[in-house]
Amino acid sequence: MKETIKSIPVVGEIAQALYRRLPKQLKRQRPFPGSAAYWEERYRAGGTSGAGSYAFLAEFKAEVLNGFVAEHGVRTVIEFGCGDGNQLRLAKYPSYLGVDVSSSAIERCRQLFAGDPSKSFRTVAEYAGERAELVLSLDVIFHLVEDAVFDDYMQRLFAASERYVIVYSSNTASTLGIDNPHVKHREFTRWVDDRAPGFRLLRHVPNRYPYAGDHHIGSFADFFVFERA
């Protein structure tokens, strides 16, 4: 992958860094607003989707995803949790629908790809049950801290797939690397086994840059590729 997109510090990310350094007593003064509100506030303040959607991590994800789309002749893609659209800059999808809980993120994506008719974007509230050959979840599941939100998301994710689902996430119940209230690891493959029996795990792709204590230089997410049985 020749193109490299560098992360630019923005107000939202600076605010998050300052929040992490606050004493725990001060953090407790402002309760976590919930995952949907958190991401809307973050994008509205100019924040990004995070380090995982930029630079070498974005390139790694694009390499795997573009290779899969080409290998399997995928024509239609839906992504639940499209975020700020930066990862999508590297994508090679014939037809794409991006869905996100944040209206600010959707508006940003619409502006970013205004001249590209192959891409469209909708909020979760606007999503009308469209389906695609390939459905994506990239760096989303470990941000669904509420159990009900996680369950609703997973049901929507797998119901939208005609052939494949690709999840890029951690798959553990540990607290590895958690220092923010908007992160909660889940062993999500158990949900798939129990609630989506029509799918089988086709492929597991370990991260080329595994997490080693700093999420700016590594990720605890791997690729999990599911196929309708």
C-alpha atoms as a PDB file:
ATOM      1  CA  MET A   1       0.000   0.000   0.000  1.00  0.00           C
ATOM      2  CA  LYS A   2       1.714   3.164  -1.223  1.00  0.00           C
ATOM      3  CA  GLU A   3      -0.638   5.781   0.117  1.00  0.00           C
ATOM      4  CA  THR A   4      -0.060   6.838   3.722  1.00  0.00           C
ATOM      5  CA  ILE A   5      -2.532   8.944   5.670  1.00  0.00           C
ATOM      6  CA  LYS A   6      -1.084  10.588   8.734  1.00  0.00           C
ATOM      7  CA  SER A   7      -3.046  11.368  11.857  1.00  0.00           C
ATOM      8  CA  ILE A   8      -3.424  15.061  12.672  1.00  0.00           C
ATOM      9  CA  PRO A   9      -4.056  15.974  16.321  1.00  0.00           C
ATOM     10  CA  VAL A  10      -7.453  17.638  16.701  1.00  0.00           C
ATOM     11  CA  VAL A  11      -9.401  19.229  19.511  1.00  0.00           C
ATOM     12  CA  GLY A  12     -11.368  16.069  20.326  1.00  0.00           C
ATOM     13  CA  GLU A  13      -8.278  13.883  20.651  1.00  0.00           C
ATOM     14  CA  ILE A  14      -6.445  16.477  22.752  1.00  0.00           C
ATOM     15  CA  ALA A  15      -9.450  16.621  25.057  1.00  0.00           C
ATOM     16  CA  GLN A  16      -9.408  12.856  25.402  1.00  0.00           C
ATOM     17  CA  ALA A  17      -5.704  12.865  26.252  1.00  0.00           C
ATOM     18  CA  LEU A  18      -6.295  15.461  28.948  1.00  0.00           C
ATOM     19  CA  TYR A  19      -9.244  13.451  30.287  1.00  0.00           C
ATOM     20  CA  ARG A  20      -7.084  10.353  30.650  1.00  0.00           C
ATOM     21  CA  ARG A  21      -4.603  12.306  32.787  1.00  0.00           C
ATOM     22  CA  LEU A  22      -7.217  13.621  35.200  1.00  0.00           C
ATOM     23  CA  PRO A  23      -7.339  12.145  38.699  1.00  0.00           C
ATOM     24  CA  LYS A  24     -10.026   9.497  39.068  1.00  0.00           C
ATOM     25  CA  GLN A  25     -11.927  11.726  41.483  1.00  0.00           C
ATOM     26  CA  LEU A  26     -12.361  14.405  38.803  1.00  0.00           C
ATOM     27  CA  LYS A  27     -13.314  11.883  36.116  1.00  0.00           C
ATOM     28  CA  ARG A  28     -16.171  10.705  38.286  1.00  0.00           C
ATOM     29  CA  GLN A  29     -17.652  14.219  38.341  1.00  0.00           C
ATOM     30  CA  ARG A  30     -18.860  13.767  34.752  1.00  0.00           C
ATOM     31  CA  PRO A  31     -20.507  10.368  34.257  1.00  0.00           C
ATOM     32  CA  PHE A  32     -19.907   8.543  30.982  1.00  0.00           C
ATOM     33  CA  PRO A  33     -22.800   9.663  28.725  1.00  0.00           C
ATOM     34  CA  GLY A  34     -23.217   6.309  26.973  1.00  0.00           C
ATOM     35  CA  SER A  35     -21.601   5.002  23.801  1.00  0.00           C
ATOM     36  CA  ALA A  36     -23.903   6.775  21.309  1.00  0.00           C
ATOM     37  CA  ALA A  37     -23.643  10.140  23.054  1.00  0.00           C
ATOM     38  CA  TYR A  38     -19.893   9.741  23.519  1.00  0.00           C
ATOM     39  CA  TRP A  39     -19.234   9.286  19.800  1.00  0.00           C
ATOM     40  CA  GLU A  40     -21.595  12.065  18.764  1.00  0.00           C
ATOM     41  CA  GLU A  41     -19.860  14.455  21.164  1.00  0.00           C
ATOM     42  CA  ARG A  42     -16.452  13.298  19.986  1.00  0.00           C
ATOM     43  CA  TYR A  43     -17.154  13.793  16.271  1.00  0.00           C
ATOM     44  CA  ARG A  44     -19.053  17.028  16.811  1.00  0.00           C
ATOM     45  CA  ALA A  45     -15.995  18.406  18.660  1.00  0.00           C
ATOM     46  CA  GLY A  46     -13.764  17.544  15.687  1.00  0.00           C
ATOM     47  CA  GLY A  47     -12.429  14.240  16.994  1.00  0.00           C
ATOM     48  CA  THR A  48     -11.470  11.331  14.758  1.00  0.00           C
ATOM     49  CA  SER A  49     -12.180   7.624  14.696  1.00  0.00           C
ATOM     50  CA  GLY A  50      -8.858   7.047  16.440  1.00  0.00           C
ATOM     51  CA  ALA A  51      -5.394   5.705  15.681  1.00  0.00           C
ATOM     52  CA  GLY A  52      -6.745   2.452  14.254  1.00  0.00           C
ATOM     53  CA  SER A  53      -8.138   4.275  11.207  1.00  0.00           C
ATOM     54  CA  TYR A  54      -4.940   6.112  10.338  1.00  0.00           C
ATOM     55  CA  ALA A  55      -1.407   5.481   9.082  1.00  0.00           C
ATOM     56  CA  PHE A  56      -0.002   1.928   9.091  1.00  0.00           C
ATOM     57  CA  LEU A  57      -2.991   0.394  10.909  1.00  0.00           C
ATOM     58  CA  ALA A  58      -5.339   1.804   8.274  1.00  0.00           C
ATOM     59  CA  GLU A  59      -3.068   0.460   5.541  1.00  0.00           C
ATOM     60  CA  PHE A  60      -3.038  -3.006   7.093  1.00  0.00           C
ATOM     61  CA  LYS A  61      -6.836  -3.050   7.332  1.00  0.00           C
ATOM     62  CA  ALA A  62      -7.217  -1.831   3.746  1.00  0.00           C
ATOM     63  CA  GLU A  63      -4.802  -4.470   2.470  1.00  0.00           C
ATOM     64  CA  VAL A  64      -6.825  -7.285   4.064  1.00  0.00           C
ATOM     65  CA  LEU A  65     -10.229  -5.902   3.115  1.00  0.00           C
ATOM     66  CA  ASN A  66      -9.413  -4.908  -0.454  1.00  0.00           C
ATOM     67  CA  GLY A  67      -7.770  -8.279  -0.985  1.00  0.00           C
ATOM     68  CA  PHE A  68     -10.861 -10.089   0.278  1.00  0.00           C
ATOM     69  CA  VAL A  69     -13.234  -8.033  -1.888  1.00  0.00           C
ATOM     70  CA  ALA A  70     -11.139  -8.741  -4.982  1.00  0.00           C
ATOM     71  CA  GLU A  71     -10.633 -12.438  -4.170  1.00  0.00           C
ATOM     72  CA  HIS A  72     -14.337 -13.127  -3.645  1.00  0.00           C
ATOM     73  CA  GLY A  73     -15.754 -10.781  -6.268  1.00  0.00           C
ATOM     74  CA  VAL A  74     -17.731  -8.772  -3.715  1.00  0.00           C
ATOM     75  CA  ARG A  75     -19.916  -6.098  -5.307  1.00  0.00           C
ATOM     76  CA  THR A  76     -21.824  -4.606  -2.365  1.00  0.00           C
ATOM     77  CA  VAL A  77     -20.558  -3.596   1.090  1.00  0.00           C
ATOM     78  CA  ILE A  78     -22.240  -2.203   4.191  1.00  0.00           C
ATOM     79  CA  GLU A  79     -20.212  -0.978   7.140  1.00  0.00           C
ATOM     80  CA  PHE A  80     -21.805  -0.460  10.540  1.00  0.00           C
ATOM     81  CA  GLY A  81     -19.691   2.156  12.285  1.00  0.00           C
ATOM     82  CA  CYS A  82     -18.121   4.043   9.377  1.00  0.00           C
ATOM     83  CA  GLY A  83     -16.810   6.790  11.663  1.00  0.00           C
ATOM     84  CA  ASP A  84     -15.003   9.768  10.184  1.00  0.00           C
ATOM     85  CA  GLY A  85     -14.426   8.074   6.797  1.00  0.00           C
ATOM     86  CA  ASN A  86     -10.647   8.122   6.907  1.00  0.00           C
ATOM     87  CA  GLN A  87     -10.312   4.345   6.651  1.00  0.00           C
ATOM     88  CA  LEU A  88     -12.656   4.440   3.671  1.00  0.00           C
ATOM     89  CA  ARG A  89     -10.201   6.595   1.712  1.00  0.00           C
ATOM     90  CA  LEU A  90      -8.120   3.461   1.157  1.00  0.00           C
ATOM     91  CA  ALA A  91     -11.024   1.162   0.304  1.00  0.00           C
ATOM     92  CA  LYS A  92     -11.751  -0.345  -3.110  1.00  0.00           C
ATOM     93  CA  TYR A  93     -15.417  -1.289  -2.923  1.00  0.00           C
ATOM     94  CA  PRO A  94     -17.710  -1.249  -5.993  1.00  0.00           C
ATOM     95  CA  SER A  95     -20.751  -0.159  -3.932  1.00  0.00           C
ATOM     96  CA  TYR A  96     -20.663   0.978  -0.304  1.00  0.00           C
ATOM     97  CA  LEU A  97     -23.140   2.056   2.365  1.00  0.00           C
ATOM     98  CA  GLY A  98     -21.745   3.482   5.593  1.00  0.00           C
ATOM     99  CA  VAL A  99     -23.900   3.551   8.721  1.00  0.00           C
ATOM    100  CA  ASP A 100     -23.049   5.238  12.012  1.00  0.00           C
ATOM    101  CA  VAL A 101     -24.736   6.175  15.267  1.00  0.00           C
ATOM    102  CA  SER A 102     -23.283   9.708  15.024  1.00  0.00           C
ATOM    103  CA  SER A 103     -25.021  12.215  12.746  1.00  0.00           C
ATOM    104  CA  SER A 104     -21.896  14.392  12.868  1.00  0.00           C
ATOM    105  CA  ALA A 105     -19.783  11.514  11.521  1.00  0.00           C
ATOM    106  CA  ILE A 106     -22.296  10.843   8.746  1.00  0.00           C
ATOM    107  CA  GLU A 107     -22.326  14.488   7.709  1.00  0.00           C
ATOM    108  CA  ARG A 108     -18.523  14.513   7.628  1.00  0.00           C
ATOM    109  CA  CYS A 109     -18.488  11.404   5.414  1.00  0.00           C
ATOM    110  CA  ARG A 110     -21.090  12.854   3.064  1.00  0.00           C
ATOM    111  CA  GLN A 111     -18.947  15.928   2.576  1.00  0.00           C
ATOM    112  CA  LEU A 112     -15.737  13.935   2.220  1.00  0.00           C
ATOM    113  CA  PHE A 113     -17.130  11.658  -0.496  1.00  0.00           C
ATOM    114  CA  ALA A 114     -19.601  14.066  -2.073  1.00  0.00           C
ATOM    115  CA  GLY A 115     -18.187  13.424  -5.553  1.00  0.00           C
ATOM    116  CA  ASP A 116     -18.258   9.617  -5.302  1.00  0.00           C
ATOM    117  CA  PRO A 117     -21.614   8.096  -6.365  1.00  0.00           C
ATOM    118  CA  SER A 118     -20.488   4.594  -5.322  1.00  0.00           C
ATOM    119  CA  LYS A 119     -20.687   5.596  -1.638  1.00  0.00           C
ATOM    120  CA  SER A 120     -23.667   6.595   0.480  1.00  0.00           C
ATOM    121  CA  PHE A 121     -24.112   7.195   4.196  1.00  0.00           C
ATOM    122  CA  ARG A 122     -26.929   6.962   6.722  1.00  0.00           C
ATOM    123  CA  THR A 123     -27.366   7.244  10.447  1.00  0.00           C
ATOM    124  CA  VAL A 124     -28.591   4.178  12.315  1.00  0.00           C
ATOM    125  CA  ALA A 125     -31.995   5.869  12.541  1.00  0.00           C
ATOM    126  CA  GLU A 126     -32.057   6.213   8.735  1.00  0.00           C
ATOM    127  CA  TYR A 127     -30.954   2.646   8.050  1.00  0.00           C
ATOM    128  CA  ALA A 128     -33.852   0.819   6.372  1.00  0.00           C
ATOM    129  CA  GLY A 129     -32.722  -2.797   6.516  1.00  0.00           C
ATOM    130  CA  GLU A 130     -30.534  -2.803   3.395  1.00  0.00           C
ATOM    131  CA  ARG A 131     -28.407  -5.904   2.848  1.00  0.00           C
ATOM    132  CA  ALA A 132     -25.081  -6.514   1.124  1.00  0.00           C
ATOM    133  CA  GLU A 133     -22.797  -9.372   0.119  1.00  0.00           C
ATOM    134  CA  LEU A 134     -20.205  -8.211   2.670  1.00  0.00           C
ATOM    135  CA  VAL A 135     -20.922  -6.487   5.984  1.00  0.00           C
ATOM    136  CA  LEU A 136     -18.120  -4.850   7.977  1.00  0.00           C
ATOM    137  CA  SER A 137     -17.527  -4.011  11.633  1.00  0.00           C
ATOM    138  CA  LEU A 138     -14.158  -2.331  12.123  1.00  0.00           C
ATOM    139  CA  ASP A 139     -12.955  -1.212  15.569  1.00  0.00           C
ATOM    140  CA  VAL A 140     -16.545  -1.008  16.828  1.00  0.00           C
ATOM    141  CA  ILE A 141     -17.493  -3.961  19.028  1.00  0.00           C
ATOM    142  CA  PHE A 142     -15.132  -3.114  21.903  1.00  0.00           C
ATOM    143  CA  HIS A 143     -16.702   0.360  22.019  1.00  0.00           C
ATOM    144  CA  LEU A 144     -20.216  -0.994  22.649  1.00  0.00           C
ATOM    145  CA  VAL A 145     -20.052  -0.844  26.414  1.00  0.00           C
ATOM    146  CA  GLU A 146     -23.782  -1.383  27.059  1.00  0.00           C
ATOM    147  CA  ASP A 147     -24.953  -4.988  26.747  1.00  0.00           C
ATOM    148  CA  ALA A 148     -28.252  -4.079  25.052  1.00  0.00           C
ATOM    149  CA  VAL A 149     -26.456  -1.855  22.538  1.00  0.00           C
ATOM    150  CA  PHE A 150     -23.992  -4.631  21.783  1.00  0.00           C
ATOM    151  CA  ASP A 151     -26.778  -7.159  21.226  1.00  0.00           C
ATOM    152  CA  ASP A 152     -28.774  -4.831  18.943  1.00  0.00           C
ATOM    153  CA  TYR A 153     -25.653  -4.050  16.936  1.00  0.00           C
ATOM    154  CA  MET A 154     -24.709  -7.694  16.453  1.00  0.00           C
ATOM    155  CA  GLN A 155     -28.221  -8.632  15.352  1.00  0.00           C
ATOM    156  CA  ARG A 156     -28.220  -5.828  12.778  1.00  0.00           C
ATOM    157  CA  LEU A 157     -24.715  -6.720  11.607  1.00  0.00           C
ATOM    158  CA  PHE A 158     -25.430 -10.350  10.788  1.00  0.00           C
ATOM    159  CA  ALA A 159     -28.982  -9.798   9.528  1.00  0.00           C
ATOM    160  CA  ALA A 160     -27.613  -7.414   6.880  1.00  0.00           C
ATOM    161  CA  SER A 161     -25.233  -9.977   5.371  1.00  0.00           C
ATOM    162  CA  GLU A 162     -26.012 -11.983   2.257  1.00  0.00           C
ATOM    163  CA  ARG A 163     -22.669 -13.824   2.207  1.00  0.00           C
ATOM    164  CA  TYR A 164     -19.926 -12.557   4.503  1.00  0.00           C
ATOM    165  CA  VAL A 165     -19.331 -10.611   7.716  1.00  0.00           C
ATOM    166  CA  ILE A 166     -15.877  -9.304   8.574  1.00  0.00           C
ATOM    167  CA  VAL A 167     -15.248  -8.156  12.121  1.00  0.00           C
ATOM    168  CA  TYR A 168     -12.068  -6.353  13.164  1.00  0.00           C
ATOM    169  CA  SER A 169     -12.045  -6.416  16.947  1.00  0.00           C
ATOM    170  CA  SER A 170     -10.614  -7.889  20.107  1.00  0.00           C
ATOM    171  CA  ASN A 171     -12.193 -11.194  21.096  1.00  0.00           C
ATOM    172  CA  THR A 172     -11.625 -11.492  24.817  1.00  0.00           C
ATOM    173  CA  ALA A 173     -13.376 -10.734  28.077  1.00  0.00           C
ATOM    174  CA  SER A 174     -10.185  -9.377  29.675  1.00  0.00           C
ATOM    175  CA  THR A 175      -9.528  -5.756  30.592  1.00  0.00           C
ATOM    176  CA  LEU A 176      -6.357  -5.560  28.498  1.00  0.00           C
ATOM    177  CA  GLY A 177      -5.447  -1.981  27.618  1.00  0.00           C
ATOM    178  CA  ILE A 178      -8.642  -0.470  29.025  1.00  0.00           C
ATOM    179  CA  ASP A 179      -8.114   2.988  30.484  1.00  0.00           C
ATOM    180  CA  ASN A 180     -11.214   4.700  29.095  1.00  0.00           C
ATOM    181  CA  PRO A 181     -14.924   4.250  29.853  1.00  0.00           C
ATOM    182  CA  HIS A 182     -15.741   3.903  26.131  1.00  0.00           C
ATOM    183  CA  VAL A 183     -13.869   0.582  25.823  1.00  0.00           C
ATOM    184  CA  LYS A 184     -15.151  -2.842  26.865  1.00  0.00           C
ATOM    185  CA  HIS A 185     -13.670  -6.042  25.447  1.00  0.00           C
ATOM    186  CA  ARG A 186     -16.047  -8.834  24.520  1.00  0.00           C
ATOM    187  CA  GLU A 187     -15.571 -12.426  23.433  1.00  0.00           C
ATOM    188  CA  PHE A 188     -17.983 -11.710  20.598  1.00  0.00           C
ATOM    189  CA  THR A 189     -17.487 -15.039  18.818  1.00  0.00           C
ATOM    190  CA  ARG A 190     -19.548 -16.626  21.591  1.00  0.00           C
ATOM    191  CA  TRP A 191     -22.453 -14.416  20.544  1.00  0.00           C
ATOM    192  CA  VAL A 192     -22.017 -15.565  16.939  1.00  0.00           C
ATOM    193  CA  ASP A 193     -22.001 -19.229  17.989  1.00  0.00           C
ATOM    194  CA  ASP A 194     -25.147 -18.772  20.075  1.00  0.00           C
ATOM    195  CA  ARG A 195     -27.123 -16.210  18.083  1.00  0.00           C
ATOM    196  CA  ALA A 196     -25.960 -16.518  14.460  1.00  0.00           C
ATOM    197  CA  PRO A 197     -25.678 -20.282  13.887  1.00  0.00           C
ATOM    198  CA  GLY A 198     -26.101 -19.795  10.143  1.00  0.00           C
ATOM    199  CA  PHE A 199     -22.563 -18.397   9.963  1.00  0.00           C
ATOM    200  CA  ARG A 200     -19.220 -20.165  10.296  1.00  0.00           C
ATOM    201  CA  LEU A 201     -15.778 -18.706  10.938  1.00  0.00           C
ATOM    202  CA  LEU A 202     -14.017 -18.814   7.596  1.00  0.00           C
ATOM    203  CA  ARG A 203     -10.753 -17.114   8.475  1.00  0.00           C
ATOM    204  CA  HIS A 204      -8.885 -15.497  11.365  1.00  0.00           C
ATOM    205  CA  VAL A 205      -6.200 -12.961  10.438  1.00  0.00           C
ATOM    206  CA  PRO A 206      -3.975 -11.914  13.372  1.00  0.00           C
ATOM    207  CA  ASN A 207      -2.963  -8.288  13.535  1.00  0.00           C
ATOM    208  CA  ARG A 208       0.345  -7.456  11.881  1.00  0.00           C
ATOM    209  CA  TYR A 209       0.853  -4.865  14.629  1.00  0.00           C
ATOM    210  CA  PRO A 210      -0.299  -6.515  17.882  1.00  0.00           C
ATOM    211  CA  TYR A 211      -0.986  -4.454  20.961  1.00  0.00           C
ATOM    212  CA  ALA A 212       2.010  -4.077  23.274  1.00  0.00           C
ATOM    213  CA  GLY A 213       0.890  -1.319  25.622  1.00  0.00           C
ATOM    214  CA  ASP A 214       0.444   1.595  23.225  1.00  0.00           C
ATOM    215  CA  HIS A 215      -2.616   1.765  20.959  1.00  0.00           C
ATOM    216  CA  HIS A 216      -0.825   4.241  18.662  1.00  0.00           C
ATOM    217  CA  ILE A 217       1.674   1.594  17.537  1.00  0.00           C
ATOM    218  CA  GLY A 218      -0.401  -1.568  17.863  1.00  0.00           C
ATOM    219  CA  SER A 219      -3.949  -2.868  18.105  1.00  0.00           C
ATOM    220  CA  PHE A 220      -5.663  -5.585  20.130  1.00  0.00           C
ATOM    221  CA  ALA A 221      -7.992  -6.192  17.145  1.00  0.00           C
ATOM    222  CA  ASP A 222      -7.716  -9.095  14.708  1.00  0.00           C
ATOM    223  CA  PHE A 223      -9.778  -9.907  11.604  1.00  0.00           C
ATOM    224  CA  PHE A 224     -12.532 -12.507  11.900  1.00  0.00           C
ATOM    225  CA  VAL A 225     -14.185 -13.484   8.627  1.00  0.00           C
ATOM    226  CA  PHE A 226     -17.567 -15.213   8.773  1.00  0.00           C
ATOM    227  CA  GLU A 227     -19.447 -16.874   5.932  1.00  0.00           C
ATOM    228  CA  ARG A 228     -23.041 -18.023   5.659  1.00  0.00           C
ATOM    229  CA  ALA A 229     -22.972 -21.789   6.069  1.00  0.00           C
END
